[in-house]
N, C-alpha and C. Protein backbone atom coordinates (compact mmCIF):
# COMPACT_ATOMS: atom_id res chain seq x y z
N MET A 1 0.83 -1.18 0.00
CA MET A 1 0.00 0.00 0.00
C MET A 1 0.88 1.25 0.00
N LYS A 2 1.58 1.48 -1.08
CA LYS A 2 2.42 2.67 -1.19
C LYS A 2 1.60 3.89 -1.61
N HIS A 3 0.50 3.67 -2.30
CA HIS A 3 -0.35 4.77 -2.76
C HIS A 3 -1.55 4.87 -1.83
N MET A 4 -1.83 6.08 -1.36
CA MET A 4 -2.98 6.31 -0.50
C MET A 4 -3.73 7.54 -0.98
N ILE A 5 -5.05 7.51 -0.85
CA ILE A 5 -5.89 8.66 -1.14
C ILE A 5 -6.19 9.34 0.19
N LEU A 6 -5.86 10.62 0.28
CA LEU A 6 -6.01 11.37 1.53
C LEU A 6 -6.96 12.54 1.32
N THR A 7 -7.60 12.96 2.40
CA THR A 7 -8.41 14.17 2.37
C THR A 7 -7.86 15.14 3.41
N VAL A 8 -7.86 16.41 3.06
CA VAL A 8 -7.39 17.47 3.95
C VAL A 8 -8.62 18.30 4.29
N PRO A 9 -8.87 18.58 5.58
CA PRO A 9 -10.11 19.27 5.97
C PRO A 9 -10.36 20.61 5.27
N GLU A 10 -9.34 21.43 5.06
CA GLU A 10 -9.56 22.75 4.46
C GLU A 10 -9.65 22.71 2.95
N VAL A 11 -9.31 21.59 2.34
CA VAL A 11 -9.27 21.48 0.89
C VAL A 11 -10.56 20.81 0.41
N ASP A 12 -11.34 21.55 -0.42
CA ASP A 12 -12.61 20.99 -0.89
C ASP A 12 -12.81 21.10 -2.40
N THR A 13 -11.78 21.53 -3.12
CA THR A 13 -11.88 21.59 -4.58
C THR A 13 -10.60 21.02 -5.20
N ARG A 14 -10.70 20.66 -6.46
CA ARG A 14 -9.54 20.12 -7.17
C ARG A 14 -8.42 21.15 -7.28
N GLU A 15 -8.77 22.42 -7.44
CA GLU A 15 -7.77 23.47 -7.59
C GLU A 15 -6.95 23.64 -6.30
N LYS A 16 -7.62 23.60 -5.15
CA LYS A 16 -6.91 23.70 -3.88
C LYS A 16 -6.01 22.49 -3.66
N ALA A 17 -6.49 21.32 -4.07
CA ALA A 17 -5.69 20.09 -3.93
C ALA A 17 -4.46 20.14 -4.83
N ALA A 18 -4.59 20.73 -6.00
CA ALA A 18 -3.46 20.81 -6.93
C ALA A 18 -2.33 21.66 -6.37
N LYS A 19 -2.64 22.61 -5.49
CA LYS A 19 -1.60 23.45 -4.88
C LYS A 19 -0.73 22.67 -3.90
N LEU A 20 -1.21 21.52 -3.41
CA LEU A 20 -0.46 20.70 -2.46
C LEU A 20 0.50 19.72 -3.14
N VAL A 21 0.41 19.58 -4.45
CA VAL A 21 1.25 18.61 -5.17
C VAL A 21 2.72 18.94 -4.95
N GLY A 22 3.49 17.90 -4.59
CA GLY A 22 4.91 18.04 -4.36
C GLY A 22 5.29 18.19 -2.90
N LYS A 23 4.31 18.43 -2.03
CA LYS A 23 4.60 18.58 -0.61
C LYS A 23 4.85 17.22 0.03
N LYS A 24 5.49 17.26 1.19
CA LYS A 24 5.86 16.05 1.92
C LYS A 24 4.73 15.64 2.87
N VAL A 25 4.51 14.33 2.99
CA VAL A 25 3.51 13.77 3.89
C VAL A 25 4.22 12.80 4.82
N VAL A 26 3.91 12.88 6.13
CA VAL A 26 4.56 12.02 7.11
C VAL A 26 3.51 11.29 7.93
N PHE A 27 3.60 9.95 7.96
CA PHE A 27 2.76 9.12 8.83
C PHE A 27 3.64 8.59 9.94
N THR A 28 3.21 8.77 11.19
CA THR A 28 3.97 8.31 12.34
C THR A 28 3.28 7.06 12.90
N THR A 29 4.04 5.96 13.00
CA THR A 29 3.49 4.72 13.54
C THR A 29 3.37 4.81 15.05
N GLN A 30 2.74 3.83 15.66
CA GLN A 30 2.57 3.80 17.11
C GLN A 30 3.91 3.68 17.82
N THR A 31 4.91 3.10 17.16
CA THR A 31 6.24 2.94 17.77
C THR A 31 7.12 4.16 17.56
N GLY A 32 6.63 5.16 16.84
CA GLY A 32 7.38 6.39 16.64
C GLY A 32 8.13 6.47 15.33
N LYS A 33 8.10 5.42 14.52
CA LYS A 33 8.76 5.47 13.21
C LYS A 33 7.96 6.36 12.28
N GLU A 34 8.68 7.08 11.43
CA GLU A 34 8.03 7.95 10.46
C GLU A 34 8.17 7.37 9.07
N ILE A 35 7.06 7.31 8.36
CA ILE A 35 7.05 6.86 6.97
C ILE A 35 6.74 8.10 6.13
N VAL A 36 7.66 8.44 5.26
CA VAL A 36 7.58 9.69 4.49
C VAL A 36 7.05 9.40 3.09
N GLY A 37 6.23 10.32 2.61
CA GLY A 37 5.70 10.21 1.25
C GLY A 37 5.64 11.58 0.61
N LYS A 38 5.14 11.61 -0.61
CA LYS A 38 5.06 12.84 -1.38
C LYS A 38 3.70 12.89 -2.07
N ILE A 39 3.08 14.06 -2.10
CA ILE A 39 1.80 14.22 -2.77
C ILE A 39 2.04 14.24 -4.26
N ALA A 40 1.39 13.31 -4.96
CA ALA A 40 1.63 13.13 -6.39
C ALA A 40 0.64 13.90 -7.26
N SER A 41 -0.64 13.88 -6.87
CA SER A 41 -1.64 14.53 -7.72
C SER A 41 -2.95 14.70 -6.96
N ALA A 42 -3.84 15.49 -7.56
CA ALA A 42 -5.20 15.60 -7.03
C ALA A 42 -5.97 14.36 -7.47
N HIS A 43 -6.99 14.01 -6.70
CA HIS A 43 -7.78 12.82 -7.01
C HIS A 43 -9.26 13.19 -6.92
N GLY A 44 -9.93 13.21 -8.04
CA GLY A 44 -11.35 13.55 -8.05
C GLY A 44 -11.57 15.05 -7.97
N ASN A 45 -12.83 15.43 -7.77
CA ASN A 45 -13.19 16.84 -7.78
C ASN A 45 -13.52 17.40 -6.41
N ILE A 46 -13.42 16.59 -5.35
CA ILE A 46 -13.80 17.06 -4.02
C ILE A 46 -12.60 17.43 -3.15
N GLY A 47 -11.40 17.47 -3.72
CA GLY A 47 -10.24 17.90 -2.99
C GLY A 47 -9.39 16.80 -2.40
N ALA A 48 -9.61 15.56 -2.77
CA ALA A 48 -8.76 14.47 -2.28
C ALA A 48 -7.42 14.53 -3.01
N ILE A 49 -6.39 13.97 -2.36
CA ILE A 49 -5.05 13.95 -2.96
C ILE A 49 -4.50 12.53 -2.93
N ARG A 50 -3.61 12.24 -3.88
CA ARG A 50 -2.97 10.92 -3.93
C ARG A 50 -1.53 11.09 -3.47
N ALA A 51 -1.15 10.32 -2.45
CA ALA A 51 0.21 10.38 -1.92
C ALA A 51 0.90 9.05 -2.17
N ILE A 52 2.19 9.12 -2.50
CA ILE A 52 3.00 7.93 -2.71
C ILE A 52 4.06 7.91 -1.62
N PHE A 53 4.09 6.82 -0.84
CA PHE A 53 5.02 6.69 0.27
C PHE A 53 6.24 5.88 -0.13
N GLU A 54 7.37 6.10 0.58
CA GLU A 54 8.62 5.42 0.27
C GLU A 54 8.49 3.91 0.45
N ARG A 55 7.85 3.50 1.52
CA ARG A 55 7.60 2.08 1.76
C ARG A 55 6.13 1.92 2.08
N GLY A 56 5.65 0.72 2.03
CA GLY A 56 4.23 0.48 2.25
C GLY A 56 3.77 0.84 3.65
N LEU A 57 2.55 1.32 3.73
CA LEU A 57 1.97 1.66 5.03
C LEU A 57 1.30 0.42 5.63
N PRO A 58 1.32 0.31 6.96
CA PRO A 58 0.64 -0.82 7.59
C PRO A 58 -0.88 -0.66 7.49
N GLY A 59 -1.59 -1.72 7.67
CA GLY A 59 -3.05 -1.68 7.61
C GLY A 59 -3.66 -0.78 8.66
N GLN A 60 -2.98 -0.60 9.79
CA GLN A 60 -3.49 0.26 10.85
C GLN A 60 -3.50 1.73 10.44
N SER A 61 -2.85 2.08 9.35
CA SER A 61 -2.78 3.48 8.93
C SER A 61 -4.08 3.96 8.27
N VAL A 62 -4.93 3.05 7.84
CA VAL A 62 -6.17 3.45 7.16
C VAL A 62 -7.06 4.16 8.17
N GLY A 63 -7.46 5.38 7.85
CA GLY A 63 -8.31 6.16 8.72
C GLY A 63 -7.56 6.99 9.74
N GLN A 64 -6.24 6.93 9.75
CA GLN A 64 -5.45 7.69 10.72
C GLN A 64 -5.02 9.03 10.12
N LYS A 65 -4.46 9.90 10.95
CA LYS A 65 -4.04 11.22 10.51
C LYS A 65 -2.57 11.22 10.09
N VAL A 66 -2.26 12.08 9.12
CA VAL A 66 -0.88 12.29 8.65
C VAL A 66 -0.58 13.78 8.71
N LYS A 67 0.71 14.12 8.66
CA LYS A 67 1.13 15.51 8.61
C LYS A 67 1.50 15.88 7.19
N VAL A 68 1.02 17.03 6.74
CA VAL A 68 1.39 17.57 5.43
C VAL A 68 2.33 18.73 5.70
N GLU A 69 3.55 18.64 5.18
CA GLU A 69 4.55 19.69 5.43
C GLU A 69 4.90 20.43 4.16
């Protein structure tokens, strides 16, 4: 699961999502390890974004929060 579809609360259009392309995304596991990814593109018309992570995310990451830097 290297590719994930994410939603950002303040982003609700495709144009706003396109401004985030290229930014870094960090998921922190329960043990404190950080899995880093990059926003690749907008997904759909409601402001979702597609992020590609360096290594696969665990199943526990579905529905959890990530940091967009």
